[in-house]
C-alpha atoms as a PDB file:
ATOM      1  CA  MET A   1      86.898 154.300 143.596  1.00  0.00           C
ATOM      2  CA  GLY A   2      86.134 150.957 145.232  1.00  0.00           C
ATOM      3  CA  ILE A   3      83.621 149.927 142.580  1.00  0.00           C
ATOM      4  CA  GLN A   4      85.935 150.648 139.666  1.00  0.00           C
ATOM      5  CA  GLY A   5      88.787 148.666 141.297  1.00  0.00           C
ATOM      6  CA  GLN A   6      86.557 145.623 141.660  1.00  0.00           C
ATOM      7  CA  SER A   7      85.438 145.723 138.031  1.00  0.00           C
ATOM      8  CA  ASP A   8      89.062 145.959 136.890  1.00  0.00           C
ATOM      9  CA  ARG A   9      89.879 142.808 138.805  1.00  0.00           C
ATOM     10  CA  GLY A  10      86.931 141.025 137.215  1.00  0.00           C
ATOM     11  CA  ALA A  11      88.043 142.075 133.748  1.00  0.00           C
ATOM     12  CA  ALA A  12      91.567 140.877 134.454  1.00  0.00           C
ATOM     13  CA  ALA A  13      90.223 137.476 135.557  1.00  0.00           C
ATOM     14  CA  VAL A  14      88.206 137.124 132.342  1.00  0.00           C
ATOM     15  CA  GLU A  15      91.183 138.148 130.213  1.00  0.00           C
ATOM     16  CA  PHE A  16      93.421 135.678 132.042  1.00  0.00           C
ATOM     17  CA  ALA A  17      90.914 132.857 131.469  1.00  0.00           C
ATOM     18  CA  LEU A  18      90.842 133.558 127.725  1.00  0.00           C
ATOM     19  CA  VAL A  19      94.622 133.807 127.399  1.00  0.00           C
ATOM     20  CA  ALA A  20      95.248 130.766 129.634  1.00  0.00           C
ATOM     21  CA  MET A  21      93.035 128.548 127.437  1.00  0.00           C
ATOM     22  CA  LEU A  22      94.945 129.614 124.335  1.00  0.00           C
ATOM     23  CA  LEU A  23      98.308 129.019 126.008  1.00  0.00           C
ATOM     24  CA  LEU A  24      97.260 125.584 127.330  1.00  0.00           C
ATOM     25  CA  THR A  25      96.035 124.592 123.869  1.00  0.00           C
ATOM     26  CA  ILE A  26      99.381 125.570 122.360  1.00  0.00           C
ATOM     27  CA  LEU A  27     101.304 123.800 125.159  1.00  0.00           C
ATOM     28  CA  PHE A  28      99.362 120.531 124.819  1.00  0.00           C
ATOM     29  CA  GLY A  29      99.692 120.734 121.033  1.00  0.00           C
ATOM     30  CA  ILE A  30     103.470 120.985 121.389  1.00  0.00           C
ATOM     31  CA  PHE A  31     103.539 117.971 123.728  1.00  0.00           C
ATOM     32  CA  GLU A  32     101.369 115.828 121.474  1.00  0.00           C
ATOM     33  CA  GLY A  33     103.107 116.867 118.244  1.00  0.00           C
ATOM     34  CA  GLY A  34     106.559 116.248 119.688  1.00  0.00           C
ATOM     35  CA  ARG A  35     105.562 112.825 120.982  1.00  0.00           C
ATOM     36  CA  LEU A  36     104.040 111.779 117.650  1.00  0.00           C
ATOM     37  CA  TRP A  37     107.125 113.009 115.799  1.00  0.00           C
ATOM     38  CA  MET A  38     109.388 111.047 118.174  1.00  0.00           C
ATOM     39  CA  ILE A  39     107.354 107.849 117.712  1.00  0.00           C
ATOM     40  CA  GLN A  40     107.346 108.268 113.915  1.00  0.00           C
ATOM     41  CA  GLY A  41     111.138 108.665 113.882  1.00  0.00           C
ATOM     42  CA  ALA A  42     111.605 105.613 116.095  1.00  0.00           C
ATOM     43  CA  LEU A  43     109.325 103.522 113.865  1.00  0.00           C
ATOM     44  CA  SER A  44     111.289 104.571 110.775  1.00  0.00           C
ATOM     45  CA  GLN A  45     114.574 103.656 112.461  1.00  0.00           C
ATOM     46  CA  ALA A  46     113.173 100.289 113.612  1.00  0.00           C
ATOM     47  CA  ALA A  47     112.039  99.531 110.045  1.00  0.00           C
ATOM     48  CA  ARG A  48     115.501 100.407 108.676  1.00  0.00           C
ATOM     49  CA  GLU A  49     117.172  98.095 111.180  1.00  0.00           C
ATOM     50  CA  GLY A  50     114.683  95.307 110.395  1.00  0.00           C
ATOM     51  CA  ALA A  51     115.312  95.657 106.658  1.00  0.00           C
ATOM     52  CA  ARG A  52     119.057  95.577 107.267  1.00  0.00           C
ATOM     53  CA  GLU A  53     118.742  92.460 109.434  1.00  0.00           C
ATOM     54  CA  MET A  54     116.765  90.694 106.686  1.00  0.00           C
ATOM     55  CA  ALA A  55     119.115  91.821 103.916  1.00  0.00           C
ATOM     56  CA  ILE A  56     122.217  90.596 105.746  1.00  0.00           C
ATOM     57  CA  HIS A  57     121.033  87.470 107.582  1.00  0.00           C
ATOM     58  CA  ASP A  58     118.009  86.320 105.499  1.00  0.00           C
ATOM     59  CA  ASP A  59     115.939  85.552 108.621  1.00  0.00           C
ATOM     60  CA  GLN A  60     112.438  87.007 108.594  1.00  0.00           C
ATOM     61  CA  ALA A  61     111.674  86.098 112.217  1.00  0.00           C
ATOM     62  CA  ALA A  62     114.881  87.778 113.393  1.00  0.00           C
ATOM     63  CA  ALA A  63     114.099  90.871 111.322  1.00  0.00           C
ATOM     64  CA  ASN A  64     110.618  91.124 112.848  1.00  0.00           C
ATOM     65  CA  GLY A  65     112.192  90.650 116.276  1.00  0.00           C
ATOM     66  CA  VAL A  66     114.649  93.478 115.634  1.00  0.00           C
ATOM     67  CA  ILE A  67     111.790  95.806 114.684  1.00  0.00           C
ATOM     68  CA  THR A  68     109.818  94.897 117.786  1.00  0.00           C
ATOM     69  CA  SER A  69     112.778  95.203 120.165  1.00  0.00           C
ATOM     70  CA  ARG A  70     114.005  98.540 118.747  1.00  0.00           C
ATOM     71  CA  ALA A  71     110.625 100.144 119.301  1.00  0.00           C
ATOM     72  CA  ALA A  72     109.878  98.513 122.672  1.00  0.00           C
ATOM     73  CA  ASP A  73     110.629 101.653 124.697  1.00  0.00           C
ATOM     74  CA  LEU A  74     107.941 103.716 122.948  1.00  0.00           C
ATOM     75  CA  GLY A  75     105.087 102.496 125.104  1.00  0.00           C
ATOM     76  CA  VAL A  76     102.987 101.418 122.096  1.00  0.00           C
ATOM     77  CA  THR A  77     102.349  98.048 120.474  1.00  0.00           C
ATOM     78  CA  ILE A  78     104.396  97.602 117.297  1.00  0.00           C
ATOM     79  CA  THR A  79     103.271  95.521 114.322  1.00  0.00           C
ATOM     80  CA  PRO A  80     106.310  94.474 112.224  1.00  0.00           C
ATOM     81  CA  ASN A  81     106.082  93.293 108.646  1.00  0.00           C
ATOM     82  CA  VAL A  82     109.067  92.180 106.543  1.00  0.00           C
ATOM     83  CA  THR A  83     108.607  90.944 102.966  1.00  0.00           C
ATOM     84  CA  PRO A  84     109.574  88.812 101.081  1.00  0.00           C
ATOM     85  CA  SER A  85     110.146  85.820 103.351  1.00  0.00           C
ATOM     86  CA  SER A  86     113.486  84.938 101.749  1.00  0.00           C
ATOM     87  CA  CYS A  87     116.281  87.192 100.608  1.00  0.00           C
ATOM     88  CA  THR A  88     118.147  86.363  97.410  1.00  0.00           C
ATOM     89  CA  PRO A  89     120.819  88.702  96.035  1.00  0.00           C
ATOM     90  CA  GLY A  90     119.348  91.605  94.115  1.00  0.00           C
ATOM     91  CA  VAL A  91     115.858  91.347  95.640  1.00  0.00           C
ATOM     92  CA  THR A  92     114.572  94.380  97.547  1.00  0.00           C
ATOM     93  CA  VAL A  93     113.389  93.752 101.099  1.00  0.00           C
ATOM     94  CA  ARG A  94     110.597  95.930 102.468  1.00  0.00           C
ATOM     95  CA  ALA A  95     110.149  96.394 106.202  1.00  0.00           C
ATOM     96  CA  GLU A  96     107.313  98.178 107.965  1.00  0.00           C
ATOM     97  CA  ALA A  97     106.775  99.054 111.588  1.00  0.00           C
ATOM     98  CA  SER A  98     103.324 100.357 112.455  1.00  0.00           C
ATOM     99  CA  ALA A  99     101.661 101.370 115.704  1.00  0.00           C
ATOM    100  CA  ASP A 100      98.259 102.672 116.740  1.00  0.00           C
ATOM    101  CA  VAL A 101      99.004 105.655 118.966  1.00  0.00           C
ATOM    102  CA  GLY A 102      96.578 107.387 121.298  1.00  0.00           C
ATOM    103  CA  SER A 103      96.707 110.853 122.728  1.00  0.00           C
ATOM    104  CA  LEU A 104      98.968 111.289 125.754  1.00  0.00           C
ATOM    105  CA  THR A 105      96.980 114.085 127.370  1.00  0.00           C
ATOM    106  CA  GLY A 106      93.519 113.229 126.058  1.00  0.00           C
ATOM    107  CA  PHE A 107      93.214 116.866 125.071  1.00  0.00           C
ATOM    108  CA  ILE A 108      93.202 116.256 121.321  1.00  0.00           C
ATOM    109  CA  ASP A 109      91.352 112.911 121.211  1.00  0.00           C
ATOM    110  CA  PRO A 110      88.655 114.293 118.872  1.00  0.00           C
ATOM    111  CA  LEU A 111      91.353 114.838 116.235  1.00  0.00           C
ATOM    112  CA  PHE A 112      92.376 111.154 116.390  1.00  0.00           C
ATOM    113  CA  GLY A 113      89.145 109.690 115.019  1.00  0.00           C
ATOM    114  CA  ALA A 114      86.377 107.543 116.442  1.00  0.00           C
ATOM    115  CA  ASP A 115      88.628 105.025 118.213  1.00  0.00           C
ATOM    116  CA  GLY A 116      90.935 107.688 119.673  1.00  0.00           C
ATOM    117  CA  THR A 117      94.068 106.475 117.886  1.00  0.00           C
ATOM    118  CA  ILE A 118      96.126 107.401 114.865  1.00  0.00           C
ATOM    119  CA  THR A 119      98.221 104.860 112.942  1.00  0.00           C
ATOM    120  CA  LEU A 120     101.868 105.790 112.454  1.00  0.00           C
ATOM    121  CA  MET A 121     104.107 103.766 110.160  1.00  0.00           C
ATOM    122  CA  GLY A 122     107.805 103.572 109.432  1.00  0.00           C
ATOM    123  CA  LYS A 123     108.940 102.014 106.143  1.00  0.00           C
ATOM    124  CA  ALA A 124     112.321 100.987 104.783  1.00  0.00           C
ATOM    125  CA  GLU A 125     113.734  99.150 101.776  1.00  0.00           C
ATOM    126  CA  MET A 126     117.099  97.492 101.326  1.00  0.00           C
ATOM    127  CA  ARG A 127     118.655  95.363  98.630  1.00  0.00           C
ATOM    128  CA  CYS A 128     119.586  91.801  99.584  1.00  0.00           C
ATOM    129  CA  GLY A 129     123.147  90.626  99.339  1.00  0.00           C
ATOM    130  CA  GLY A 130     124.784  93.982  99.425  1.00  0.00           C
END
């Protein structure tokens, strides 16, 4: 009876190791996916606010500043881009907020490419003068 009890414990340890790896993979995937989704949403919102700033105030530097400040809490470096440089009524302003984002856990770095980052971008358009 002692030998069979020991082999059962060994089998349980092997089964736990297999199941634990699957569960950790799912858990880290949820963390990484949720973080990327949150950053993408924040970039889209920052681009909308930058486009609105340009459409109302016709100040490209201020619009780029709005994009940068709205996304400052994300922990990534934001690259704003607002075009055109002047806003006349009827012209459509395009704003972009992009960021190169790395893996938080390092667990899925091979999925992010050679440099370990993925580029996320938020885009928005708004008509000038109304």
